[in-house]
C-alpha atoms as a PDB file:
ATOM      1  CA  MET A   1      11.800  12.094 -15.921  1.00  0.00           C
ATOM      2  CA  LEU A   2      14.444  10.481 -18.177  1.00  0.00           C
ATOM      3  CA  GLU A   3      12.137   7.544 -18.739  1.00  0.00           C
ATOM      4  CA  LYS A   4       9.286   9.886 -19.695  1.00  0.00           C
ATOM      5  CA  VAL A   5      11.455  11.620 -22.308  1.00  0.00           C
ATOM      6  CA  ALA A   6      12.869   8.351 -23.663  1.00  0.00           C
ATOM      7  CA  VAL A   7       9.478   6.680 -23.994  1.00  0.00           C
ATOM      8  CA  GLU A   8       7.276   9.548 -25.143  1.00  0.00           C
ATOM      9  CA  GLY A   9       9.894  11.717 -26.771  1.00  0.00           C
ATOM     10  CA  VAL A  10      10.450   9.448 -29.772  1.00  0.00           C
ATOM     11  CA  SER A  11       6.974  10.083 -30.984  1.00  0.00           C
ATOM     12  CA  SER A  12       6.894  13.813 -30.240  1.00  0.00           C
ATOM     13  CA  LEU A  13       8.014  16.525 -32.651  1.00  0.00           C
ATOM     14  CA  MET A  14      10.718  18.871 -31.689  1.00  0.00           C
ATOM     15  CA  ILE A  15      11.039  17.466 -28.193  1.00  0.00           C
ATOM     16  CA  PHE A  16      13.878  19.733 -27.056  1.00  0.00           C
ATOM     17  CA  ARG A  17      12.815  22.783 -29.029  1.00  0.00           C
ATOM     18  CA  LYS A  18       9.151  23.279 -28.368  1.00  0.00           C
ATOM     19  CA  SER A  19       8.409  25.644 -25.496  1.00  0.00           C
ATOM     20  CA  ALA A  20       6.293  24.493 -22.601  1.00  0.00           C
ATOM     21  CA  SER A  21       4.298  26.609 -20.193  1.00  0.00           C
ATOM     22  CA  ALA A  22       6.766  28.548 -18.082  1.00  0.00           C
ATOM     23  CA  LYS A  23       4.412  28.541 -15.041  1.00  0.00           C
ATOM     24  CA  THR A  24       3.870  24.796 -15.200  1.00  0.00           C
ATOM     25  CA  LYS A  25       7.626  24.163 -15.703  1.00  0.00           C
ATOM     26  CA  LYS A  26       8.394  26.360 -12.749  1.00  0.00           C
ATOM     27  CA  THR A  27       5.869  24.435 -10.556  1.00  0.00           C
ATOM     28  CA  TYR A  28       7.398  21.077 -11.459  1.00  0.00           C
ATOM     29  CA  LYS A  29      10.984  22.391 -11.003  1.00  0.00           C
ATOM     30  CA  HIS A  30      10.067  23.661  -7.518  1.00  0.00           C
ATOM     31  CA  LYS A  31       8.529  20.229  -6.616  1.00  0.00           C
ATOM     32  CA  LEU A  32      11.573  18.376  -7.852  1.00  0.00           C
ATOM     33  CA  ASP A  33      14.052  20.710  -6.116  1.00  0.00           C
ATOM     34  CA  SER A  34      12.031  20.396  -2.844  1.00  0.00           C
ATOM     35  CA  ASN A  35      12.052  16.513  -3.117  1.00  0.00           C
ATOM     36  CA  HIS A  36       8.292  16.364  -3.448  1.00  0.00           C
ATOM     37  CA  THR A  37       6.715  13.442  -5.186  1.00  0.00           C
ATOM     38  CA  VAL A  38       6.053  14.167  -8.800  1.00  0.00           C
ATOM     39  CA  ASP A  39       3.729  11.987 -10.953  1.00  0.00           C
ATOM     40  CA  PHE A  40       5.470  11.966 -14.331  1.00  0.00           C
ATOM     41  CA  ARG A  41       2.599  10.297 -15.950  1.00  0.00           C
ATOM     42  CA  GLU A  42       0.587  13.487 -15.794  1.00  0.00           C
ATOM     43  CA  MET A  43       3.599  15.664 -16.891  1.00  0.00           C
ATOM     44  CA  ASN A  44       3.723  16.874 -20.544  1.00  0.00           C
ATOM     45  CA  VAL A  45       6.729  15.394 -22.345  1.00  0.00           C
ATOM     46  CA  HIS A  46       7.887  18.779 -23.460  1.00  0.00           C
ATOM     47  CA  ILE A  47       8.023  19.969 -19.860  1.00  0.00           C
ATOM     48  CA  ALA A  48      10.006  16.851 -18.826  1.00  0.00           C
ATOM     49  CA  ALA A  49      12.423  17.446 -21.790  1.00  0.00           C
ATOM     50  CA  GLN A  50      12.970  21.118 -20.859  1.00  0.00           C
ATOM     51  CA  LEU A  51      13.538  20.240 -17.186  1.00  0.00           C
ATOM     52  CA  LEU A  52      15.956  17.473 -18.060  1.00  0.00           C
ATOM     53  CA  LYS A  53      17.783  19.882 -20.336  1.00  0.00           C
ATOM     54  CA  GLU A  54      18.011  22.539 -17.626  1.00  0.00           C
ATOM     55  CA  TYR A  55      19.287  20.072 -15.044  1.00  0.00           C
ATOM     56  CA  LEU A  56      22.001  18.742 -17.410  1.00  0.00           C
ATOM     57  CA  ARG A  57      23.002  22.273 -18.410  1.00  0.00           C
ATOM     58  CA  ASP A  58      23.199  23.512 -14.800  1.00  0.00           C
ATOM     59  CA  TYR A  59      25.109  20.449 -13.510  1.00  0.00           C
ATOM     60  CA  PRO A  60      28.044  21.937 -11.626  1.00  0.00           C
ATOM     61  CA  ASP A  61      30.933  19.715 -12.900  1.00  0.00           C
ATOM     62  CA  GLY A  62      29.517  19.013 -16.339  1.00  0.00           C
ATOM     63  CA  ILE A  63      28.539  15.606 -17.642  1.00  0.00           C
ATOM     64  CA  ILE A  64      31.473  14.796 -19.916  1.00  0.00           C
END
């Protein structure tokens, strides 16, 4: 997911601000939380960015 955001995010506008489909995001989040295989090539970069942002925000001990 991080690679997807790093590679495709540079050429996308408002990567962390643009809203993605809530239903699609929820589906991917469920797959990731359940340790299912996710093909990031088919995932929209905005969904990947939002999921990454959520996981970093919800990290229990913080990042820094």
